Amino acid sequence: MATLSPISSLSPSNLKWVRSNSSFYIRLPSSCPSFSKPTCSPMSIKALSAPVLTQDQLKKLAADKAVEYVKSGMVLGLGTGSTAAFVVAKLGELLKEGALKDIIGIPTSKRTEEQAASLGIPLSLLDHHPNIDLAIDGADEVDPELNLVKGRGGALLREKMVEAASAQFVVVADESKLVDGLGGSGLAMPVEVVQFCWSYNAKRLQSLFKEEGCEVKLRMDGDKPYVTDNSNYIVDLYFNTPIKDSRAAGAEISKLEGVVEHGLFLDMATAVIIAGSDGVTLKTK
């Protein structure tokens, strides 16, 4: 029996994609030894791939898959967050190699702007490029209809503005972000509010969700309120049960004076790329 090299020695760069229907899986490289006379049933690709990659490696694979949507000459919306950072890094790499040319990035946060600029990605503003070809960003929750909760990274207003202006919006997330209903993770659904009388608006937000049960907290940065790139505060909503009607909820939140934007991104995603223990799956409407 041949001796197998340690599976842990495999890296994302030498793994190949296999497509099955709408799902993408990982194929082990040809250099990996195989059994000439198996003594048991062959292990599936998914079973072998599961212990190989860390969550960050899976995010990188999903980000790399999302970047395949990018073509030279595109105006791109650049998302914010840990997964979006892998997308920006890949774009910088492809530009440096000459595989991509003449792209323009529209960043959704100062953090993304700094990363993209450091990688030599040309940047502009929505003012100058109101029609964006493609936006790629992460998500905090994804429901079966590809509706999203976004903004736990604090950039929800700029993210929504840029992604609403995009012809295509591709989302990259890991499988822990999948929920049956938005708000179902029990984690924060952010609402950006003006600083003036934020507590007044926090109480009004809580009163909207008596049926679901909702705890409202002002987001903090150490011992001070967190301040967005737009000089606003964020009030985080934590639901006991999923939001009953996310469209109605979004509309009611937006009616409140002093609310700037909410983290419900509804009917916006073109495709969602999910990274998980079984590999990477593409979901489309």
C-alpha atoms as a PDB file:
ATOM      1  CA  MET A   1       0.000   0.000   0.000  1.00  0.00           C
ATOM      2  CA  ALA A   2       1.365   3.420  -0.907  1.00  0.00           C
ATOM      3  CA  THR A   3       2.121   5.851   1.886  1.00  0.00           C
ATOM      4  CA  LEU A   4      -0.039   8.939   1.759  1.00  0.00           C
ATOM      5  CA  SER A   5       1.449  12.366   2.311  1.00  0.00           C
ATOM      6  CA  PRO A   6      -0.113  14.190   5.260  1.00  0.00           C
ATOM      7  CA  ILE A   7      -3.383  15.755   4.180  1.00  0.00           C
ATOM      8  CA  SER A   8      -2.487  18.832   6.205  1.00  0.00           C
ATOM      9  CA  SER A   9       0.308  19.583   3.728  1.00  0.00           C
ATOM     10  CA  LEU A  10      -2.228  20.447   1.030  1.00  0.00           C
ATOM     11  CA  SER A  11      -2.784  24.154   0.456  1.00  0.00           C
ATOM     12  CA  PRO A  12      -5.669  26.043  -1.155  1.00  0.00           C
ATOM     13  CA  SER A  13      -3.468  26.959  -4.115  1.00  0.00           C
ATOM     14  CA  ASN A  14      -3.111  23.371  -5.353  1.00  0.00           C
ATOM     15  CA  LEU A  15      -6.747  22.371  -4.969  1.00  0.00           C
ATOM     16  CA  LYS A  16      -9.028  22.195  -8.012  1.00  0.00           C
ATOM     17  CA  TRP A  17     -12.719  22.896  -8.445  1.00  0.00           C
ATOM     18  CA  VAL A  18     -15.263  20.261  -9.449  1.00  0.00           C
ATOM     19  CA  ARG A  19     -18.764  21.360 -10.426  1.00  0.00           C
ATOM     20  CA  SER A  20     -21.796  19.187  -9.730  1.00  0.00           C
ATOM     21  CA  ASN A  21     -25.086  20.823 -10.692  1.00  0.00           C
ATOM     22  CA  SER A  22     -24.973  24.193  -8.887  1.00  0.00           C
ATOM     23  CA  SER A  23     -22.357  23.089  -6.346  1.00  0.00           C
ATOM     24  CA  PHE A  24     -18.604  23.456  -6.476  1.00  0.00           C
ATOM     25  CA  TYR A  25     -16.401  20.989  -4.608  1.00  0.00           C
ATOM     26  CA  ILE A  26     -12.676  20.572  -4.093  1.00  0.00           C
ATOM     27  CA  ARG A  27     -10.620  18.042  -6.066  1.00  0.00           C
ATOM     28  CA  LEU A  28      -7.360  16.836  -4.575  1.00  0.00           C
ATOM     29  CA  PRO A  29      -4.234  17.421  -6.727  1.00  0.00           C
ATOM     30  CA  SER A  30      -2.874  14.599  -8.901  1.00  0.00           C
ATOM     31  CA  SER A  31       0.329  14.577  -6.869  1.00  0.00           C
ATOM     32  CA  CYS A  32      -1.537  13.141  -3.912  1.00  0.00           C
ATOM     33  CA  PRO A  33      -0.789   9.350  -3.867  1.00  0.00           C
ATOM     34  CA  SER A  34      -3.632   6.871  -4.205  1.00  0.00           C
ATOM     35  CA  PHE A  35      -4.145   3.260  -3.181  1.00  0.00           C
ATOM     36  CA  SER A  36      -3.427   0.733  -5.947  1.00  0.00           C
ATOM     37  CA  LYS A  37      -5.586  -1.896  -4.251  1.00  0.00           C
ATOM     38  CA  PRO A  38      -8.094  -0.296  -1.913  1.00  0.00           C
ATOM     39  CA  THR A  39      -8.998  -2.395   1.084  1.00  0.00           C
ATOM     40  CA  CYS A  40     -12.106  -0.326   1.746  1.00  0.00           C
ATOM     41  CA  SER A  41     -14.525   1.866  -0.152  1.00  0.00           C
ATOM     42  CA  PRO A  42     -12.847   4.963  -1.634  1.00  0.00           C
ATOM     43  CA  MET A  43     -13.281   8.089   0.432  1.00  0.00           C
ATOM     44  CA  SER A  44     -15.307  10.846  -1.205  1.00  0.00           C
ATOM     45  CA  ILE A  45     -13.792  14.141  -2.216  1.00  0.00           C
ATOM     46  CA  LYS A  46     -16.010  15.913   0.290  1.00  0.00           C
ATOM     47  CA  ALA A  47     -14.890  13.627   3.116  1.00  0.00           C
ATOM     48  CA  LEU A  48     -11.228  14.223   2.324  1.00  0.00           C
ATOM     49  CA  SER A  49     -11.615  17.948   1.920  1.00  0.00           C
ATOM     50  CA  ALA A  50     -13.434  18.549   5.185  1.00  0.00           C
ATOM     51  CA  PRO A  51     -10.474  18.291   7.619  1.00  0.00           C
ATOM     52  CA  VAL A  52      -7.989  19.961   5.284  1.00  0.00           C
ATOM     53  CA  LEU A  53      -9.006  23.594   5.300  1.00  0.00           C
ATOM     54  CA  THR A  54      -9.496  26.117   8.084  1.00  0.00           C
ATOM     55  CA  GLN A  55     -12.409  28.537   8.059  1.00  0.00           C
ATOM     56  CA  ASP A  56     -10.160  31.292   6.723  1.00  0.00           C
ATOM     57  CA  GLN A  57      -8.906  29.002   3.947  1.00  0.00           C
ATOM     58  CA  LEU A  58     -12.488  28.176   3.001  1.00  0.00           C
ATOM     59  CA  LYS A  59     -13.337  31.869   2.958  1.00  0.00           C
ATOM     60  CA  LYS A  60     -10.372  32.467   0.674  1.00  0.00           C
ATOM     61  CA  LEU A  61     -11.503  29.726  -1.699  1.00  0.00           C
ATOM     62  CA  ALA A  62     -14.992  31.209  -1.810  1.00  0.00           C
ATOM     63  CA  ALA A  63     -13.569  34.696  -2.341  1.00  0.00           C
ATOM     64  CA  ASP A  64     -11.398  33.429  -5.193  1.00  0.00           C
ATOM     65  CA  LYS A  65     -14.480  31.848  -6.778  1.00  0.00           C
ATOM     66  CA  ALA A  66     -16.357  35.153  -6.491  1.00  0.00           C
ATOM     67  CA  VAL A  67     -13.517  37.010  -8.190  1.00  0.00           C
ATOM     68  CA  GLU A  68     -14.051  34.797 -11.256  1.00  0.00           C
ATOM     69  CA  TYR A  69     -17.050  37.047 -11.966  1.00  0.00           C
ATOM     70  CA  VAL A  70     -14.693  40.013 -12.396  1.00  0.00           C
ATOM     71  CA  LYS A  71     -13.625  41.079 -15.888  1.00  0.00           C
ATOM     72  CA  SER A  72     -11.137  43.717 -16.994  1.00  0.00           C
ATOM     73  CA  GLY A  73     -12.656  47.173 -17.341  1.00  0.00           C
ATOM     74  CA  MET A  74     -15.323  46.646 -14.671  1.00  0.00           C
ATOM     75  CA  VAL A  75     -16.372  49.107 -11.996  1.00  0.00           C
ATOM     76  CA  LEU A  76     -16.492  47.071  -8.781  1.00  0.00           C
ATOM     77  CA  GLY A  77     -18.142  47.562  -5.417  1.00  0.00           C
ATOM     78  CA  LEU A  78     -15.641  46.487  -2.757  1.00  0.00           C
ATOM     79  CA  GLY A  79     -17.234  45.097   0.401  1.00  0.00           C
ATOM     80  CA  THR A  80     -16.159  45.283   4.025  1.00  0.00           C
ATOM     81  CA  GLY A  81     -15.301  42.488   6.471  1.00  0.00           C
ATOM     82  CA  SER A  82     -13.027  39.478   6.858  1.00  0.00           C
ATOM     83  CA  THR A  83     -14.289  37.623   3.778  1.00  0.00           C
ATOM     84  CA  ALA A  84     -14.439  40.749   1.623  1.00  0.00           C
ATOM     85  CA  ALA A  85     -10.810  41.408   2.561  1.00  0.00           C
ATOM     86  CA  PHE A  86      -9.843  38.165   0.803  1.00  0.00           C
ATOM     87  CA  VAL A  87     -11.671  39.399  -2.310  1.00  0.00           C
ATOM     88  CA  VAL A  88      -9.780  42.696  -2.288  1.00  0.00           C
ATOM     89  CA  ALA A  89      -6.485  40.865  -1.772  1.00  0.00           C
ATOM     90  CA  LYS A  90      -7.184  38.593  -4.760  1.00  0.00           C
ATOM     91  CA  LEU A  91      -8.060  41.560  -6.962  1.00  0.00           C
ATOM     92  CA  GLY A  92      -4.775  43.205  -6.030  1.00  0.00           C
ATOM     93  CA  GLU A  93      -2.917  40.006  -6.863  1.00  0.00           C
ATOM     94  CA  LEU A  94      -4.570  39.679 -10.294  1.00  0.00           C
ATOM     95  CA  LEU A  95      -3.849  43.328 -11.094  1.00  0.00           C
ATOM     96  CA  LYS A  96      -0.200  42.878 -10.192  1.00  0.00           C
ATOM     97  CA  GLU A  97       0.026  39.776 -12.404  1.00  0.00           C
ATOM     98  CA  GLY A  98      -1.644  41.575 -15.305  1.00  0.00           C
ATOM     99  CA  ALA A  99      -4.556  39.117 -15.366  1.00  0.00           C
ATOM    100  CA  LEU A 100      -6.934  42.029 -14.681  1.00  0.00           C
ATOM    101  CA  LYS A 101      -6.693  45.512 -16.147  1.00  0.00           C
ATOM    102  CA  ASP A 102      -8.530  48.813 -15.967  1.00  0.00           C
ATOM    103  CA  ILE A 103     -10.803  47.977 -13.047  1.00  0.00           C
ATOM    104  CA  ILE A 104     -12.075  50.671 -10.698  1.00  0.00           C
ATOM    105  CA  GLY A 105     -13.050  49.939  -7.105  1.00  0.00           C
ATOM    106  CA  ILE A 106     -15.753  51.710  -5.110  1.00  0.00           C
ATOM    107  CA  PRO A 107     -14.950  50.977  -1.430  1.00  0.00           C
ATOM    108  CA  THR A 108     -17.689  50.628   1.188  1.00  0.00           C
ATOM    109  CA  SER A 109     -15.577  51.685   4.177  1.00  0.00           C
ATOM    110  CA  LYS A 110     -12.405  53.515   5.102  1.00  0.00           C
ATOM    111  CA  ARG A 111     -10.927  50.150   6.097  1.00  0.00           C
ATOM    112  CA  THR A 112     -11.529  48.695   2.636  1.00  0.00           C
ATOM    113  CA  GLU A 113     -10.307  51.896   1.001  1.00  0.00           C
ATOM    114  CA  GLU A 114      -7.002  51.639   2.866  1.00  0.00           C
ATOM    115  CA  GLN A 115      -6.518  47.965   1.959  1.00  0.00           C
ATOM    116  CA  ALA A 116      -7.368  48.481  -1.718  1.00  0.00           C
ATOM    117  CA  ALA A 117      -5.124  51.537  -2.034  1.00  0.00           C
ATOM    118  CA  SER A 118      -2.217  49.625  -0.490  1.00  0.00           C
ATOM    119  CA  LEU A 119      -2.622  46.961  -3.202  1.00  0.00           C
ATOM    120  CA  GLY A 120      -2.665  49.434  -6.065  1.00  0.00           C
ATOM    121  CA  ILE A 121      -6.365  49.069  -6.903  1.00  0.00           C
ATOM    122  CA  PRO A 122      -7.636  52.258  -8.598  1.00  0.00           C
ATOM    123  CA  LEU A 123     -10.449  53.774  -6.522  1.00  0.00           C
ATOM    124  CA  SER A 124     -13.281  56.193  -7.106  1.00  0.00           C
ATOM    125  CA  LEU A 125     -16.619  57.273  -5.643  1.00  0.00           C
ATOM    126  CA  LEU A 126     -20.237  56.439  -6.329  1.00  0.00           C
ATOM    127  CA  ASP A 127     -20.597  60.122  -7.292  1.00  0.00           C
ATOM    128  CA  HIS A 128     -18.377  59.541 -10.318  1.00  0.00           C
ATOM    129  CA  HIS A 129     -19.472  55.966 -11.137  1.00  0.00           C
ATOM    130  CA  PRO A 130     -23.178  55.640 -10.269  1.00  0.00           C
ATOM    131  CA  ASN A 131     -23.568  52.463 -12.347  1.00  0.00           C
ATOM    132  CA  ILE A 132     -21.483  49.650 -10.861  1.00  0.00           C
ATOM    133  CA  ASP A 133     -20.955  46.433 -12.816  1.00  0.00           C
ATOM    134  CA  LEU A 134     -20.435  44.083  -9.874  1.00  0.00           C
ATOM    135  CA  ALA A 135     -20.236  44.240  -6.079  1.00  0.00           C
ATOM    136  CA  ILE A 136     -18.732  41.465  -3.946  1.00  0.00           C
ATOM    137  CA  ASP A 137     -19.250  41.452  -0.183  1.00  0.00           C
ATOM    138  CA  GLY A 138     -19.774  39.219   2.831  1.00  0.00           C
ATOM    139  CA  ALA A 139     -22.946  38.682   4.859  1.00  0.00           C
ATOM    140  CA  ASP A 140     -23.860  38.036   8.483  1.00  0.00           C
ATOM    141  CA  GLU A 141     -27.004  36.002   7.754  1.00  0.00           C
ATOM    142  CA  VAL A 142     -28.386  34.440   4.568  1.00  0.00           C
ATOM    143  CA  ASP A 143     -31.931  33.061   4.359  1.00  0.00           C
ATOM    144  CA  PRO A 144     -33.243  30.518   1.791  1.00  0.00           C
ATOM    145  CA  GLU A 145     -34.404  33.350  -0.499  1.00  0.00           C
ATOM    146  CA  LEU A 146     -30.889  34.895  -0.430  1.00  0.00           C
ATOM    147  CA  ASN A 147     -32.043  37.814   1.692  1.00  0.00           C
ATOM    148  CA  LEU A 148     -29.349  39.045   4.040  1.00  0.00           C
ATOM    149  CA  VAL A 149     -28.456  40.628   7.323  1.00  0.00           C
ATOM    150  CA  LYS A 150     -25.324  42.721   6.888  1.00  0.00           C
ATOM    151  CA  GLY A 151     -23.462  45.440   8.714  1.00  0.00           C
ATOM    152  CA  ARG A 152     -21.984  43.846  11.821  1.00  0.00           C
ATOM    153  CA  GLY A 153     -18.707  45.290  10.549  1.00  0.00           C
ATOM    154  CA  GLY A 154     -20.247  48.753  10.870  1.00  0.00           C
ATOM    155  CA  ALA A 155     -20.382  49.673   7.160  1.00  0.00           C
ATOM    156  CA  LEU A 156     -24.050  48.927   6.395  1.00  0.00           C
ATOM    157  CA  LEU A 157     -24.980  52.344   4.976  1.00  0.00           C
ATOM    158  CA  ARG A 158     -22.173  52.536   2.425  1.00  0.00           C
ATOM    159  CA  GLU A 159     -22.519  48.839   1.646  1.00  0.00           C
ATOM    160  CA  LYS A 160     -26.210  49.214   0.852  1.00  0.00           C
ATOM    161  CA  MET A 161     -25.665  52.324  -1.262  1.00  0.00           C
ATOM    162  CA  VAL A 162     -22.941  50.697  -3.358  1.00  0.00           C
ATOM    163  CA  GLU A 163     -24.612  47.302  -3.666  1.00  0.00           C
ATOM    164  CA  ALA A 164     -27.988  48.790  -4.609  1.00  0.00           C
ATOM    165  CA  ALA A 165     -26.222  50.588  -7.465  1.00  0.00           C
ATOM    166  CA  SER A 166     -24.658  47.346  -8.763  1.00  0.00           C
ATOM    167  CA  ALA A 167     -25.915  45.344 -11.739  1.00  0.00           C
ATOM    168  CA  GLN A 168     -24.739  42.169  -9.971  1.00  0.00           C
ATOM    169  CA  PHE A 169     -24.193  41.559  -6.263  1.00  0.00           C
ATOM    170  CA  VAL A 170     -22.272  38.414  -5.316  1.00  0.00           C
ATOM    171  CA  VAL A 171     -22.185  37.493  -1.623  1.00  0.00           C
ATOM    172  CA  VAL A 172     -19.484  35.374   0.009  1.00  0.00           C
ATOM    173  CA  ALA A 173     -20.145  33.752   3.404  1.00  0.00           C
ATOM    174  CA  ASP A 174     -19.403  30.651   5.448  1.00  0.00           C
ATOM    175  CA  GLU A 175     -22.053  28.040   6.225  1.00  0.00           C
ATOM    176  CA  SER A 176     -22.582  29.312   9.785  1.00  0.00           C
ATOM    177  CA  LYS A 177     -24.329  32.340   8.261  1.00  0.00           C
ATOM    178  CA  LEU A 178     -27.203  30.263   6.823  1.00  0.00           C
ATOM    179  CA  VAL A 179     -30.495  30.798   8.697  1.00  0.00           C
ATOM    180  CA  ASP A 180     -34.107  29.767   8.155  1.00  0.00           C
ATOM    181  CA  GLY A 181     -35.265  33.324   8.850  1.00  0.00           C
ATOM    182  CA  LEU A 182     -33.434  36.629   9.234  1.00  0.00           C
ATOM    183  CA  GLY A 183     -32.627  37.412  12.838  1.00  0.00           C
ATOM    184  CA  GLY A 184     -32.531  33.692  13.532  1.00  0.00           C
ATOM    185  CA  SER A 185     -28.861  33.542  14.492  1.00  0.00           C
ATOM    186  CA  GLY A 186     -29.520  35.443  17.708  1.00  0.00           C
ATOM    187  CA  LEU A 187     -26.675  37.787  16.775  1.00  0.00           C
ATOM    188  CA  ALA A 188     -26.871  41.493  16.031  1.00  0.00           C
ATOM    189  CA  MET A 189     -29.018  43.041  13.310  1.00  0.00           C
ATOM    190  CA  PRO A 190     -27.557  46.545  13.104  1.00  0.00           C
ATOM    191  CA  VAL A 191     -29.423  49.803  12.654  1.00  0.00           C
ATOM    192  CA  GLU A 192     -27.462  52.988  11.999  1.00  0.00           C
ATOM    193  CA  VAL A 193     -28.948  56.001  13.800  1.00  0.00           C
ATOM    194  CA  VAL A 194     -28.006  59.636  14.276  1.00  0.00           C
ATOM    195  CA  GLN A 195     -26.274  60.396  17.553  1.00  0.00           C
ATOM    196  CA  PHE A 196     -28.988  62.849  18.629  1.00  0.00           C
ATOM    197  CA  CYS A 197     -31.391  61.105  21.034  1.00  0.00           C
ATOM    198  CA  TRP A 198     -30.206  57.629  20.044  1.00  0.00           C
ATOM    199  CA  SER A 199     -31.815  56.140  23.177  1.00  0.00           C
ATOM    200  CA  TYR A 200     -35.214  57.456  22.090  1.00  0.00           C
ATOM    201  CA  ASN A 201     -34.840  55.624  18.784  1.00  0.00           C
ATOM    202  CA  ALA A 202     -33.532  52.487  20.482  1.00  0.00           C
ATOM    203  CA  LYS A 203     -36.746  52.269  22.511  1.00  0.00           C
ATOM    204  CA  ARG A 204     -38.857  52.809  19.394  1.00  0.00           C
ATOM    205  CA  LEU A 205     -36.964  50.072  17.562  1.00  0.00           C
ATOM    206  CA  GLN A 206     -37.513  47.649  20.420  1.00  0.00           C
ATOM    207  CA  SER A 207     -41.240  48.370  20.425  1.00  0.00           C
ATOM    208  CA  LEU A 208     -41.505  47.317  16.767  1.00  0.00           C
ATOM    209  CA  PHE A 209     -40.586  43.732  17.606  1.00  0.00           C
ATOM    210  CA  LYS A 210     -42.688  42.798  20.627  1.00  0.00           C
ATOM    211  CA  GLU A 211     -43.865  39.611  18.931  1.00  0.00           C
ATOM    212  CA  GLU A 212     -40.371  38.327  18.139  1.00  0.00           C
ATOM    213  CA  GLY A 213     -38.839  39.543  21.389  1.00  0.00           C
ATOM    214  CA  CYS A 214     -35.954  41.927  20.889  1.00  0.00           C
ATOM    215  CA  GLU A 215     -33.094  43.247  23.004  1.00  0.00           C
ATOM    216  CA  VAL A 216     -31.539  46.520  21.871  1.00  0.00           C
ATOM    217  CA  LYS A 217     -27.971  47.590  22.639  1.00  0.00           C
ATOM    218  CA  LEU A 218     -25.874  50.572  21.656  1.00  0.00           C
ATOM    219  CA  ARG A 219     -22.715  49.291  19.971  1.00  0.00           C
ATOM    220  CA  MET A 220     -19.616  50.236  21.932  1.00  0.00           C
ATOM    221  CA  ASP A 221     -15.967  50.755  21.020  1.00  0.00           C
ATOM    222  CA  GLY A 222     -14.235  50.197  24.332  1.00  0.00           C
ATOM    223  CA  ASP A 223     -15.841  52.578  26.813  1.00  0.00           C
ATOM    224  CA  LYS A 224     -17.268  54.870  24.109  1.00  0.00           C
ATOM    225  CA  PRO A 225     -20.064  54.449  21.557  1.00  0.00           C
ATOM    226  CA  TYR A 226     -18.926  53.022  18.239  1.00  0.00           C
ATOM    227  CA  VAL A 227     -18.986  55.732  15.554  1.00  0.00           C
ATOM    228  CA  THR A 228     -19.466  54.794  11.896  1.00  0.00           C
ATOM    229  CA  ASP A 229     -17.561  56.254   8.945  1.00  0.00           C
ATOM    230  CA  ASN A 230     -20.586  58.549   8.583  1.00  0.00           C
ATOM    231  CA  SER A 231     -20.320  59.838  12.195  1.00  0.00           C
ATOM    232  CA  ASN A 232     -23.427  57.955  13.334  1.00  0.00           C
ATOM    233  CA  TYR A 233     -24.099  55.395  16.076  1.00  0.00           C
ATOM    234  CA  ILE A 234     -25.195  51.782  15.622  1.00  0.00           C
ATOM    235  CA  VAL A 235     -27.996  50.219  17.644  1.00  0.00           C
ATOM    236  CA  ASP A 236     -27.842  46.406  17.522  1.00  0.00           C
ATOM    237  CA  LEU A 237     -31.065  44.385  17.659  1.00  0.00           C
ATOM    238  CA  TYR A 238     -30.945  40.843  19.094  1.00  0.00           C
ATOM    239  CA  PHE A 239     -34.024  38.742  18.323  1.00  0.00           C
ATOM    240  CA  ASN A 240     -35.363  35.851  20.391  1.00  0.00           C
ATOM    241  CA  THR A 241     -37.036  34.387  17.293  1.00  0.00           C
ATOM    242  CA  PRO A 242     -36.619  35.125  13.564  1.00  0.00           C
ATOM    243  CA  ILE A 243     -38.272  38.237  12.158  1.00  0.00           C
ATOM    244  CA  LYS A 244     -41.807  37.318  11.051  1.00  0.00           C
ATOM    245  CA  ASP A 245     -41.873  39.522   7.957  1.00  0.00           C
ATOM    246  CA  SER A 246     -38.502  41.002   7.032  1.00  0.00           C
ATOM    247  CA  ARG A 247     -39.901  43.248   4.289  1.00  0.00           C
ATOM    248  CA  ALA A 248     -42.489  44.784   6.590  1.00  0.00           C
ATOM    249  CA  ALA A 249     -39.859  45.113   9.320  1.00  0.00           C
ATOM    250  CA  GLY A 250     -37.469  46.937   7.015  1.00  0.00           C
ATOM    251  CA  ALA A 251     -40.196  49.339   5.948  1.00  0.00           C
ATOM    252  CA  GLU A 252     -41.234  50.082   9.549  1.00  0.00           C
ATOM    253  CA  ILE A 253     -37.646  50.669  10.682  1.00  0.00           C
ATOM    254  CA  SER A 254     -37.047  53.071   7.798  1.00  0.00           C
ATOM    255  CA  LYS A 255     -40.089  55.150   8.803  1.00  0.00           C
ATOM    256  CA  LEU A 256     -38.506  56.149  12.125  1.00  0.00           C
ATOM    257  CA  GLU A 257     -37.060  59.645  12.114  1.00  0.00           C
ATOM    258  CA  GLY A 258     -33.398  59.512  13.059  1.00  0.00           C
ATOM    259  CA  VAL A 259     -32.838  56.067  11.575  1.00  0.00           C
ATOM    260  CA  VAL A 260     -30.233  56.310   8.819  1.00  0.00           C
ATOM    261  CA  GLU A 261     -30.199  52.698   7.550  1.00  0.00           C
ATOM    262  CA  HIS A 262     -30.842  49.127   8.669  1.00  0.00           C
ATOM    263  CA  GLY A 263     -29.003  45.865   8.076  1.00  0.00           C
ATOM    264  CA  LEU A 264     -31.762  44.036   6.180  1.00  0.00           C
ATOM    265  CA  PHE A 265     -30.565  43.605   2.584  1.00  0.00           C
ATOM    266  CA  LEU A 266     -33.643  42.285   0.792  1.00  0.00           C
ATOM    267  CA  ASP A 267     -33.909  41.122  -2.831  1.00  0.00           C
ATOM    268  CA  MET A 268     -30.411  42.394  -3.570  1.00  0.00           C
ATOM    269  CA  ALA A 269     -28.118  39.366  -3.945  1.00  0.00           C
ATOM    270  CA  THR A 270     -27.580  37.897  -7.418  1.00  0.00           C
ATOM    271  CA  ALA A 271     -25.640  34.901  -6.105  1.00  0.00           C
ATOM    272  CA  VAL A 272     -24.313  33.633  -2.782  1.00  0.00           C
ATOM    273  CA  ILE A 273     -21.112  31.599  -2.495  1.00  0.00           C
ATOM    274  CA  ILE A 274     -21.104  29.523   0.692  1.00  0.00           C
ATOM    275  CA  ALA A 275     -17.877  28.120   2.160  1.00  0.00           C
ATOM    276  CA  GLY A 276     -18.311  25.114   4.438  1.00  0.00           C
ATOM    277  CA  SER A 277     -16.803  21.887   5.689  1.00  0.00           C
ATOM    278  CA  ASP A 278     -17.880  20.135   2.474  1.00  0.00           C
ATOM    279  CA  GLY A 279     -16.302  22.730   0.209  1.00  0.00           C
ATOM    280  CA  VAL A 280     -17.879  25.668  -1.567  1.00  0.00           C
ATOM    281  CA  THR A 281     -21.430  25.909  -2.928  1.00  0.00           C
ATOM    282  CA  LEU A 282     -22.904  28.468  -5.303  1.00  0.00           C
ATOM    283  CA  LYS A 283     -26.517  29.475  -4.681  1.00  0.00           C
ATOM    284  CA  THR A 284     -28.502  31.537  -7.181  1.00  0.00           C
ATOM    285  CA  LYS A 285     -32.126  32.623  -7.431  1.00  0.00           C
END
